[in-house]
């Protein structure tokens, strides 16, 4: 069996993703709920707001592909979210809220 990472699109509750997302940058991760910085990649919860991380997003997928492969095996319960999709939807929701 040849298992590879592949993108799959699925309708999901954006608020749930926003409240439980770990965003990994070049050096460290941050909590999308409380914006805490320097969160460890292996953290199950945010050290500041205690939010459980259900989702993870990488700012630069190309640089973190080996980490993604490892993460799939070490933390299969986490769902990977495309960072560009996340920021696009977050921006659209902010604009929608602003125009109300």
PDB file of N, CA and C in Angstrom:
ATOM      1  N   UNK A   1       0.845  -1.181   0.000  1.00  0.00           N
ATOM      2  CA  UNK A   1       0.000   0.000   0.000  1.00  0.00           C
ATOM      3  C   UNK A   1       0.890   1.244   0.000  1.00  0.00           C
ATOM      4  N   UNK A   2       0.576   2.175  -0.842  1.00  0.00           N
ATOM      5  CA  UNK A   2       1.377   3.388  -0.980  1.00  0.00           C
ATOM      6  C   UNK A   2       0.613   4.576  -0.406  1.00  0.00           C
ATOM      7  N   UNK A   3       0.900   4.935   0.841  1.00  0.00           N
ATOM      8  CA  UNK A   3       0.210   6.049   1.483  1.00  0.00           C
ATOM      9  C   UNK A   3       1.021   7.324   1.328  1.00  0.00           C
ATOM     10  N   UNK A   4       0.381   8.347   0.820  1.00  0.00           N
ATOM     11  CA  UNK A   4       0.996   9.656   0.619  1.00  0.00           C
ATOM     12  C   UNK A   4       0.064  10.731   1.163  1.00  0.00           C
ATOM     13  N   UNK A   5       0.622  11.894   1.475  1.00  0.00           N
ATOM     14  CA  UNK A   5      -0.202  13.027   1.882  1.00  0.00           C
ATOM     15  C   UNK A   5      -0.847  13.638   0.649  1.00  0.00           C
ATOM     16  N   UNK A   6      -2.142  13.905   0.743  1.00  0.00           N
ATOM     17  CA  UNK A   6      -2.880  14.515  -0.358  1.00  0.00           C
ATOM     18  C   UNK A   6      -3.944  15.431   0.245  1.00  0.00           C
ATOM     19  N   UNK A   7      -4.180  16.561  -0.399  1.00  0.00           N
ATOM     20  CA  UNK A   7      -5.201  17.492   0.092  1.00  0.00           C
ATOM     21  C   UNK A   7      -6.589  16.939  -0.197  1.00  0.00           C
ATOM     22  N   UNK A   8      -7.459  17.084   0.791  1.00  0.00           N
ATOM     23  CA  UNK A   8      -8.851  16.676   0.650  1.00  0.00           C
ATOM     24  C   UNK A   8      -9.698  17.836   1.162  1.00  0.00           C
ATOM     25  N   UNK A   9     -10.706  18.230   0.419  1.00  0.00           N
ATOM     26  CA  UNK A   9     -11.548  19.343   0.826  1.00  0.00           C
ATOM     27  C   UNK A   9     -12.816  18.820   1.483  1.00  0.00           C
ATOM     28  N   UNK A  10     -13.176  19.457   2.601  1.00  0.00           N
ATOM     29  CA  UNK A  10     -14.321  19.027   3.388  1.00  0.00           C
ATOM     30  C   UNK A  10     -14.912  20.262   4.065  1.00  0.00           C
ATOM     31  N   UNK A  11     -16.235  20.359   4.106  1.00  0.00           N
ATOM     32  CA  UNK A  11     -16.876  21.463   4.819  1.00  0.00           C
ATOM     33  C   UNK A  11     -16.685  21.243   6.316  1.00  0.00           C
ATOM     34  N   UNK A  12     -16.217  22.297   6.982  1.00  0.00           N
ATOM     35  CA  UNK A  12     -15.970  22.210   8.423  1.00  0.00           C
ATOM     36  C   UNK A  12     -16.377  23.521   9.078  1.00  0.00           C
ATOM     37  N   UNK A  13     -16.581  23.484  10.388  1.00  0.00           N
ATOM     38  CA  UNK A  13     -16.928  24.669  11.164  1.00  0.00           C
ATOM     39  C   UNK A  13     -15.669  25.519  11.347  1.00  0.00           C
ATOM     40  N   UNK A  14     -15.631  26.688  10.705  1.00  0.00           N
ATOM     41  CA  UNK A  14     -14.443  27.535  10.768  1.00  0.00           C
ATOM     42  C   UNK A  14     -14.148  27.990  12.192  1.00  0.00           C
ATOM     43  N   UNK A  15     -15.179  28.282  12.980  1.00  0.00           N
ATOM     44  CA  UNK A  15     -14.961  28.729  14.360  1.00  0.00           C
ATOM     45  C   UNK A  15     -14.260  27.660  15.188  1.00  0.00           C
ATOM     46  N   UNK A  16     -14.598  26.402  14.963  1.00  0.00           N
ATOM     47  CA  UNK A  16     -13.931  25.311  15.676  1.00  0.00           C
ATOM     48  C   UNK A  16     -12.458  25.242  15.278  1.00  0.00           C
ATOM     49  N   UNK A  17     -12.197  25.412  13.995  1.00  0.00           N
ATOM     50  CA  UNK A  17     -10.805  25.394  13.529  1.00  0.00           C
ATOM     51  C   UNK A  17     -10.043  26.566  14.131  1.00  0.00           C
ATOM     52  N   UNK A  18     -10.617  27.768  14.063  1.00  0.00           N
ATOM     53  CA  UNK A  18      -9.942  28.963  14.588  1.00  0.00           C
ATOM     54  C   UNK A  18      -9.632  28.825  16.080  1.00  0.00           C
ATOM     55  N   UNK A  19     -10.535  28.214  16.825  1.00  0.00           N
ATOM     56  CA  UNK A  19     -10.351  28.096  18.273  1.00  0.00           C
ATOM     57  C   UNK A  19      -9.431  26.956  18.689  1.00  0.00           C
ATOM     58  N   UNK A  20      -9.083  26.068  17.781  1.00  0.00           N
ATOM     59  CA  UNK A  20      -8.269  24.899  18.141  1.00  0.00           C
ATOM     60  C   UNK A  20      -7.094  24.685  17.191  1.00  0.00           C
ATOM     61  N   UNK A  21      -6.626  25.764  16.570  1.00  0.00           N
ATOM     62  CA  UNK A  21      -5.576  25.646  15.557  1.00  0.00           C
ATOM     63  C   UNK A  21      -4.206  26.020  16.109  1.00  0.00           C
ATOM     64  N   UNK A  22      -3.234  25.184  15.822  1.00  0.00           N
ATOM     65  CA  UNK A  22      -1.826  25.454  16.103  1.00  0.00           C
ATOM     66  C   UNK A  22      -1.198  25.862  14.778  1.00  0.00           C
ATOM     67  N   UNK A  23      -0.670  27.083  14.714  1.00  0.00           N
ATOM     68  CA  UNK A  23      -0.072  27.589  13.475  1.00  0.00           C
ATOM     69  C   UNK A  23       1.437  27.525  13.613  1.00  0.00           C
ATOM     70  N   UNK A  24       2.072  26.749  12.744  1.00  0.00           N
ATOM     71  CA  UNK A  24       3.519  26.571  12.819  1.00  0.00           C
ATOM     72  C   UNK A  24       4.213  27.435  11.783  1.00  0.00           C
ATOM     73  N   UNK A  25       5.125  28.287  12.261  1.00  0.00           N
ATOM     74  CA  UNK A  25       5.897  29.165  11.384  1.00  0.00           C
ATOM     75  C   UNK A  25       7.257  28.569  11.086  1.00  0.00           C
ATOM     76  N   UNK A  26       8.247  29.419  10.854  1.00  0.00           N
ATOM     77  CA  UNK A  26       9.585  28.939  10.525  1.00  0.00           C
ATOM     78  C   UNK A  26      10.308  28.347  11.727  1.00  0.00           C
ATOM     79  N   UNK A  27      10.143  28.949  12.906  1.00  0.00           N
ATOM     80  CA  UNK A  27      10.888  28.498  14.081  1.00  0.00           C
ATOM     81  C   UNK A  27      10.019  27.938  15.193  1.00  0.00           C
ATOM     82  N   UNK A  28       8.834  28.474  15.355  1.00  0.00           N
ATOM     83  CA  UNK A  28       7.972  28.041  16.450  1.00  0.00           C
ATOM     84  C   UNK A  28       6.512  28.140  16.017  1.00  0.00           C
ATOM     85  N   UNK A  29       5.649  27.706  16.912  1.00  0.00           N
ATOM     86  CA  UNK A  29       4.214  27.704  16.625  1.00  0.00           C
ATOM     87  C   UNK A  29       3.500  28.739  17.485  1.00  0.00           C
ATOM     88  N   UNK A  30       2.259  29.046  17.099  1.00  0.00           N
ATOM     89  CA  UNK A  30       1.438  29.963  17.875  1.00  0.00           C
ATOM     90  C   UNK A  30       0.016  29.423  17.960  1.00  0.00           C
ATOM     91  N   UNK A  31      -0.680  29.851  18.999  1.00  0.00           N
ATOM     92  CA  UNK A  31      -2.074  29.463  19.214  1.00  0.00           C
ATOM     93  C   UNK A  31      -2.957  30.469  18.482  1.00  0.00           C
ATOM     94  N   UNK A  32      -3.865  29.987  17.652  1.00  0.00           N
ATOM     95  CA  UNK A  32      -4.722  30.914  16.907  1.00  0.00           C
ATOM     96  C   UNK A  32      -5.807  31.525  17.789  1.00  0.00           C
ATOM     97  N   UNK A  33      -6.087  30.917  18.925  1.00  0.00           N
ATOM     98  CA  UNK A  33      -7.140  31.446  19.791  1.00  0.00           C
ATOM     99  C   UNK A  33      -6.647  32.628  20.628  1.00  0.00           C
ATOM    100  N   UNK A  34      -5.533  32.445  21.359  1.00  0.00           N
ATOM    101  CA  UNK A  34      -5.045  33.509  22.239  1.00  0.00           C
ATOM    102  C   UNK A  34      -3.813  34.221  21.689  1.00  0.00           C
ATOM    103  N   UNK A  35      -3.315  33.755  20.540  1.00  0.00           N
ATOM    104  CA  UNK A  35      -2.147  34.345  19.860  1.00  0.00           C
ATOM    105  C   UNK A  35      -0.840  34.146  20.628  1.00  0.00           C
ATOM    106  N   UNK A  36      -0.799  33.194  21.557  1.00  0.00           N
ATOM    107  CA  UNK A  36       0.436  32.907  22.301  1.00  0.00           C
ATOM    108  C   UNK A  36       1.521  32.449  21.339  1.00  0.00           C
ATOM    109  N   UNK A  37       2.748  32.907  21.565  1.00  0.00           N
ATOM    110  CA  UNK A  37       3.878  32.566  20.714  1.00  0.00           C
ATOM    111  C   UNK A  37       4.757  31.508  21.366  1.00  0.00           C
ATOM    112  N   UNK A  38       5.660  30.955  20.594  1.00  0.00           N
ATOM    113  CA  UNK A  38       6.640  29.964  21.057  1.00  0.00           C
ATOM    114  C   UNK A  38       5.999  28.713  21.650  1.00  0.00           C
ATOM    115  N   UNK A  39       4.894  28.282  21.081  1.00  0.00           N
ATOM    116  CA  UNK A  39       4.259  27.034  21.499  1.00  0.00           C
ATOM    117  C   UNK A  39       5.019  25.893  20.825  1.00  0.00           C
ATOM    118  N   UNK A  40       5.296  24.844  21.556  1.00  0.00           N
ATOM    119  CA  UNK A  40       6.031  23.698  21.013  1.00  0.00           C
ATOM    120  C   UNK A  40       5.146  22.919  20.048  1.00  0.00           C
ATOM    121  N   UNK A  41       5.761  22.382  19.019  1.00  0.00           N
ATOM    122  CA  UNK A  41       5.033  21.620  18.003  1.00  0.00           C
ATOM    123  C   UNK A  41       4.344  20.395  18.595  1.00  0.00           C
ATOM    124  N   UNK A  42       4.926  19.822  19.637  1.00  0.00           N
ATOM    125  CA  UNK A  42       4.346  18.617  20.236  1.00  0.00           C
ATOM    126  C   UNK A  42       3.338  18.918  21.349  1.00  0.00           C
ATOM    127  N   UNK A  43       3.014  20.186  21.570  1.00  0.00           N
ATOM    128  CA  UNK A  43       2.062  20.556  22.621  1.00  0.00           C
ATOM    129  C   UNK A  43       0.655  20.089  22.253  1.00  0.00           C
ATOM    130  N   UNK A  44      -0.009  19.436  23.193  1.00  0.00           N
ATOM    131  CA  UNK A  44      -1.389  18.996  22.986  1.00  0.00           C
ATOM    132  C   UNK A  44      -2.368  20.120  23.305  1.00  0.00           C
ATOM    133  N   UNK A  45      -1.941  21.041  24.212  1.00  0.00           N
ATOM    134  CA  UNK A  45      -2.767  22.177  24.617  1.00  0.00           C
ATOM    135  C   UNK A  45      -1.914  23.432  24.616  1.00  0.00           C
ATOM    136  N   UNK A  46      -2.574  24.564  24.484  1.00  0.00           N
ATOM    137  CA  UNK A  46      -1.876  25.842  24.570  1.00  0.00           C
ATOM    138  C   UNK A  46      -1.431  26.050  26.016  1.00  0.00           C
ATOM    139  N   UNK A  47      -0.164  26.399  26.249  1.00  0.00           N
ATOM    140  CA  UNK A  47       0.298  26.605  27.621  1.00  0.00           C
ATOM    141  C   UNK A  47      -0.325  27.837  28.282  1.00  0.00           C
ATOM    142  N   UNK A  48      -0.913  28.737  27.512  1.00  0.00           N
ATOM    143  CA  UNK A  48      -1.493  29.962  28.066  1.00  0.00           C
ATOM    144  C   UNK A  48      -2.998  29.860  28.290  1.00  0.00           C
ATOM    145  N   UNK A  49      -3.758  29.473  27.258  1.00  0.00           N
ATOM    146  CA  UNK A  49      -5.223  29.441  27.386  1.00  0.00           C
ATOM    147  C   UNK A  49      -5.783  28.027  27.568  1.00  0.00           C
ATOM    148  N   UNK A  50      -4.915  27.033  27.532  1.00  0.00           N
ATOM    149  CA  UNK A  50      -5.288  25.624  27.748  1.00  0.00           C
ATOM    150  C   UNK A  50      -6.218  25.055  26.678  1.00  0.00           C
ATOM    151  N   UNK A  51      -6.283  25.687  25.523  1.00  0.00           N
ATOM    152  CA  UNK A  51      -7.083  25.175  24.417  1.00  0.00           C
ATOM    153  C   UNK A  51      -6.441  23.911  23.865  1.00  0.00           C
ATOM    154  N   UNK A  52      -7.245  22.896  23.642  1.00  0.00           N
ATOM    155  CA  UNK A  52      -6.749  21.661  23.034  1.00  0.00           C
ATOM    156  C   UNK A  52      -6.551  21.900  21.540  1.00  0.00           C
ATOM    157  N   UNK A  53      -5.391  21.488  21.025  1.00  0.00           N
ATOM    158  CA  UNK A  53      -5.125  21.624  19.596  1.00  0.00           C
ATOM    159  C   UNK A  53      -5.662  20.408  18.856  1.00  0.00           C
ATOM    160  N   UNK A  54      -6.631  20.652  17.955  1.00  0.00           N
ATOM    161  CA  UNK A  54      -7.194  19.594  17.113  1.00  0.00           C
ATOM    162  C   UNK A  54      -6.676  19.706  15.687  1.00  0.00           C
ATOM    163  N   UNK A  55      -6.207  20.906  15.330  1.00  0.00           N
ATOM    164  CA  UNK A  55      -5.794  21.198  13.958  1.00  0.00           C
ATOM    165  C   UNK A  55      -4.404  21.830  13.959  1.00  0.00           C
ATOM    166  N   UNK A  56      -3.698  21.648  12.870  1.00  0.00           N
ATOM    167  CA  UNK A  56      -2.394  22.285  12.704  1.00  0.00           C
ATOM    168  C   UNK A  56      -2.284  22.819  11.285  1.00  0.00           C
ATOM    169  N   UNK A  57      -1.617  23.965  11.174  1.00  0.00           N
ATOM    170  CA  UNK A  57      -1.405  24.590   9.875  1.00  0.00           C
ATOM    171  C   UNK A  57       0.046  25.046   9.796  1.00  0.00           C
ATOM    172  N   UNK A  58       0.650  24.886   8.637  1.00  0.00           N
ATOM    173  CA  UNK A  58       2.038  25.289   8.428  1.00  0.00           C
ATOM    174  C   UNK A  58       2.067  26.503   7.513  1.00  0.00           C
ATOM    175  N   UNK A  59       2.754  27.555   7.944  1.00  0.00           N
ATOM    176  CA  UNK A  59       2.850  28.774   7.133  1.00  0.00           C
ATOM    177  C   UNK A  59       3.553  28.511   5.811  1.00  0.00           C
ATOM    178  N   UNK A  60       4.562  27.653   5.826  1.00  0.00           N
ATOM    179  CA  UNK A  60       5.308  27.335   4.613  1.00  0.00           C
ATOM    180  C   UNK A  60       5.403  25.815   4.485  1.00  0.00           C
ATOM    181  N   UNK A  61       4.504  25.235   3.741  1.00  0.00           N
ATOM    182  CA  UNK A  61       4.418  23.781   3.614  1.00  0.00           C
ATOM    183  C   UNK A  61       5.695  23.187   3.040  1.00  0.00           C
ATOM    184  N   UNK A  62       6.276  23.824   2.050  1.00  0.00           N
ATOM    185  CA  UNK A  62       7.457  23.262   1.387  1.00  0.00           C
ATOM    186  C   UNK A  62       8.622  23.062   2.344  1.00  0.00           C
ATOM    187  N   UNK A  63       8.795  23.973   3.297  1.00  0.00           N
ATOM    188  CA  UNK A  63       9.890  23.843   4.253  1.00  0.00           C
ATOM    189  C   UNK A  63       9.591  22.823   5.349  1.00  0.00           C
ATOM    190  N   UNK A  64       8.337  22.501   5.548  1.00  0.00           N
ATOM    191  CA  UNK A  64       7.960  21.640   6.667  1.00  0.00           C
ATOM    192  C   UNK A  64       7.418  20.275   6.261  1.00  0.00           C
ATOM    193  N   UNK A  65       7.606  19.891   5.023  1.00  0.00           N
ATOM    194  CA  UNK A  65       7.095  18.602   4.563  1.00  0.00           C
ATOM    195  C   UNK A  65       7.604  17.427   5.400  1.00  0.00           C
ATOM    196  N   UNK A  66       8.887  17.369   5.768  1.00  0.00           N
ATOM    197  CA  UNK A  66       9.334  16.263   6.631  1.00  0.00           C
ATOM    198  C   UNK A  66       8.632  16.256   7.993  1.00  0.00           C
ATOM    199  N   UNK A  67       8.375  17.448   8.557  1.00  0.00           N
ATOM    200  CA  UNK A  67       7.669  17.529   9.840  1.00  0.00           C
ATOM    201  C   UNK A  67       6.235  17.044   9.688  1.00  0.00           C
ATOM    202  N   UNK A  68       5.625  17.342   8.552  1.00  0.00           N
ATOM    203  CA  UNK A  68       4.252  16.912   8.314  1.00  0.00           C
ATOM    204  C   UNK A  68       4.171  15.391   8.251  1.00  0.00           C
ATOM    205  N   UNK A  69       5.116  14.777   7.563  1.00  0.00           N
ATOM    206  CA  UNK A  69       5.143  13.311   7.460  1.00  0.00           C
ATOM    207  C   UNK A  69       5.270  12.691   8.852  1.00  0.00           C
ATOM    208  N   UNK A  70       6.153  13.250   9.661  1.00  0.00           N
ATOM    209  CA  UNK A  70       6.384  12.748  11.019  1.00  0.00           C
ATOM    210  C   UNK A  70       5.146  12.965  11.895  1.00  0.00           C
ATOM    211  N   UNK A  71       4.529  14.127  11.752  1.00  0.00           N
ATOM    212  CA  UNK A  71       3.357  14.472  12.552  1.00  0.00           C
ATOM    213  C   UNK A  71       2.186  13.528  12.291  1.00  0.00           C
ATOM    214  N   UNK A  72       2.023  13.106  11.056  1.00  0.00           N
ATOM    215  CA  UNK A  72       0.939  12.185  10.699  1.00  0.00           C
ATOM    216  C   UNK A  72       1.046  10.897  11.509  1.00  0.00           C
ATOM    217  N   UNK A  73       2.262  10.438  11.714  1.00  0.00           N
ATOM    218  CA  UNK A  73       2.463   9.196  12.463  1.00  0.00           C
ATOM    219  C   UNK A  73       2.422   9.415  13.973  1.00  0.00           C
ATOM    220  N   UNK A  74       2.968  10.524  14.449  1.00  0.00           N
ATOM    221  CA  UNK A  74       3.027  10.780  15.885  1.00  0.00           C
ATOM    222  C   UNK A  74       1.711  11.286  16.470  1.00  0.00           C
ATOM    223  N   UNK A  75       0.951  12.064  15.685  1.00  0.00           N
ATOM    224  CA  UNK A  75      -0.300  12.653  16.184  1.00  0.00           C
ATOM    225  C   UNK A  75      -1.408  12.494  15.148  1.00  0.00           C
ATOM    226  N   UNK A  76      -1.864  11.266  14.931  1.00  0.00           N
ATOM    227  CA  UNK A  76      -2.874  11.017  13.893  1.00  0.00           C
ATOM    228  C   UNK A  76      -4.218  11.691  14.169  1.00  0.00           C
ATOM    229  N   UNK A  77      -4.465  12.102  15.403  1.00  0.00           N
ATOM    230  CA  UNK A  77      -5.740  12.745  15.741  1.00  0.00           C
ATOM    231  C   UNK A  77      -5.808  14.194  15.246  1.00  0.00           C
ATOM    232  N   UNK A  78      -4.667  14.793  14.907  1.00  0.00           N
ATOM    233  CA  UNK A  78      -4.659  16.178  14.425  1.00  0.00           C
ATOM    234  C   UNK A  78      -4.969  16.237  12.935  1.00  0.00           C
ATOM    235  N   UNK A  79      -5.779  17.215  12.564  1.00  0.00           N
ATOM    236  CA  UNK A  79      -6.129  17.436  11.167  1.00  0.00           C
ATOM    237  C   UNK A  79      -5.296  18.595  10.636  1.00  0.00           C
ATOM    238  N   UNK A  80      -4.696  18.404   9.479  1.00  0.00           N
ATOM    239  CA  UNK A  80      -3.903  19.475   8.873  1.00  0.00           C
ATOM    240  C   UNK A  80      -4.812  20.385   8.062  1.00  0.00           C
ATOM    241  N   UNK A  81      -4.605  21.691   8.238  1.00  0.00           N
ATOM    242  CA  UNK A  81      -5.408  22.708   7.569  1.00  0.00           C
ATOM    243  C   UNK A  81      -4.479  23.545   6.694  1.00  0.00           C
ATOM    244  N   UNK A  82      -4.882  23.803   5.464  1.00  0.00           N
ATOM    245  CA  UNK A  82      -4.084  24.627   4.566  1.00  0.00           C
ATOM    246  C   UNK A  82      -4.082  26.068   5.074  1.00  0.00           C
ATOM    247  N   UNK A  83      -2.895  26.630   5.301  1.00  0.00           N
ATOM    248  CA  UNK A  83      -2.779  27.969   5.876  1.00  0.00           C
ATOM    249  C   UNK A  83      -3.361  29.040   4.961  1.00  0.00           C
ATOM    250  N   UNK A  84      -3.172  28.910   3.670  1.00  0.00           N
ATOM    251  CA  UNK A  84      -3.725  29.901   2.733  1.00  0.00           C
ATOM    252  C   UNK A  84      -5.248  29.896   2.776  1.00  0.00           C
ATOM    253  N   UNK A  85      -5.849  28.715   2.842  1.00  0.00           N
ATOM    254  CA  UNK A  85      -7.311  28.632   2.963  1.00  0.00           C
ATOM    255  C   UNK A  85      -7.769  29.282   4.265  1.00  0.00           C
ATOM    256  N   UNK A  86      -7.055  28.982   5.348  1.00  0.00           N
ATOM    257  CA  UNK A  86      -7.409  29.522   6.658  1.00  0.00           C
ATOM    258  C   UNK A  86      -7.374  31.052   6.652  1.00  0.00           C
ATOM    259  N   UNK A  87      -6.284  31.640   6.144  1.00  0.00           N
ATOM    260  CA  UNK A  87      -6.169  33.102   6.151  1.00  0.00           C
ATOM    261  C   UNK A  87      -7.171  33.753   5.196  1.00  0.00           C
ATOM    262  N   UNK A  88      -7.451  33.115   4.077  1.00  0.00           N
ATOM    263  CA  UNK A  88      -8.426  33.658   3.121  1.00  0.00           C
ATOM    264  C   UNK A  88      -9.821  33.705   3.741  1.00  0.00           C
ATOM    265  N   UNK A  89     -10.221  32.621   4.392  1.00  0.00           N
ATOM    266  CA  UNK A  89     -11.548  32.573   5.012  1.00  0.00           C
ATOM    267  C   UNK A  89     -11.621  33.521   6.204  1.00  0.00           C
ATOM    268  N   UNK A  90     -10.559  33.582   7.009  1.00  0.00           N
ATOM    269  CA  UNK A  90     -10.533  34.497   8.157  1.00  0.00           C
ATOM    270  C   UNK A  90     -10.673  35.941   7.688  1.00  0.00           C
ATOM    271  N   UNK A  91      -9.978  36.301   6.626  1.00  0.00           N
ATOM    272  CA  UNK A  91     -10.077  37.655   6.080  1.00  0.00           C
ATOM    273  C   UNK A  91     -11.463  37.962   5.546  1.00  0.00           C
ATOM    274  N   UNK A  92     -12.059  37.009   4.861  1.00  0.00           N
ATOM    275  CA  UNK A  92     -13.408  37.196   4.320  1.00  0.00           C
ATOM    276  C   UNK A  92     -14.423  37.379   5.442  1.00  0.00           C
ATOM    277  N   UNK A  93     -14.280  36.620   6.518  1.00  0.00           N
ATOM    278  CA  UNK A  93     -15.204  36.750   7.648  1.00  0.00           C
ATOM    279  C   UNK A  93     -15.033  38.092   8.358  1.00  0.00           C
ATOM    280  N   UNK A  94     -13.786  38.568   8.476  1.00  0.00           N
ATOM    281  CA  UNK A  94     -13.548  39.882   9.089  1.00  0.00           C
ATOM    282  C   UNK A  94     -14.166  40.987   8.241  1.00  0.00           C
ATOM    283  N   UNK A  95     -14.009  40.895   6.932  1.00  0.00           N
ATOM    284  CA  UNK A  95     -14.586  41.895   6.031  1.00  0.00           C
ATOM    285  C   UNK A  95     -16.106  41.870   6.105  1.00  0.00           C
ATOM    286  N   UNK A  96     -16.671  40.691   6.153  1.00  0.00           N
ATOM    287  CA  UNK A  96     -18.126  40.542   6.249  1.00  0.00           C
ATOM    288  C   UNK A  96     -18.640  41.161   7.540  1.00  0.00           C
ATOM    289  N   UNK A  97     -17.936  40.921   8.638  1.00  0.00           N
ATOM    290  CA  UNK A  97     -18.326  41.470   9.939  1.00  0.00           C
ATOM    291  C   UNK A  97     -18.194  43.001   9.937  1.00  0.00           C
ATOM    292  N   UNK A  98     -17.145  43.506   9.303  1.00  0.00           N
ATOM    293  CA  UNK A  98     -16.909  44.949   9.230  1.00  0.00           C
ATOM    294  C   UNK A  98     -18.017  45.655   8.447  1.00  0.00           C
ATOM    295  N   UNK A  99     -18.509  45.008   7.399  1.00  0.00           N
ATOM    296  CA  UNK A  99     -19.515  45.622   6.537  1.00  0.00           C
ATOM    297  C   UNK A  99     -20.940  45.510   7.063  1.00  0.00           C
ATOM    298  N   UNK A 100     -21.123  44.863   8.188  1.00  0.00           N
ATOM    299  CA  UNK A 100     -22.476  44.735   8.756  1.00  0.00           C
ATOM    300  C   UNK A 100     -22.944  46.037   9.344  1.00  0.00           C
TER     301      UNK A 100
END
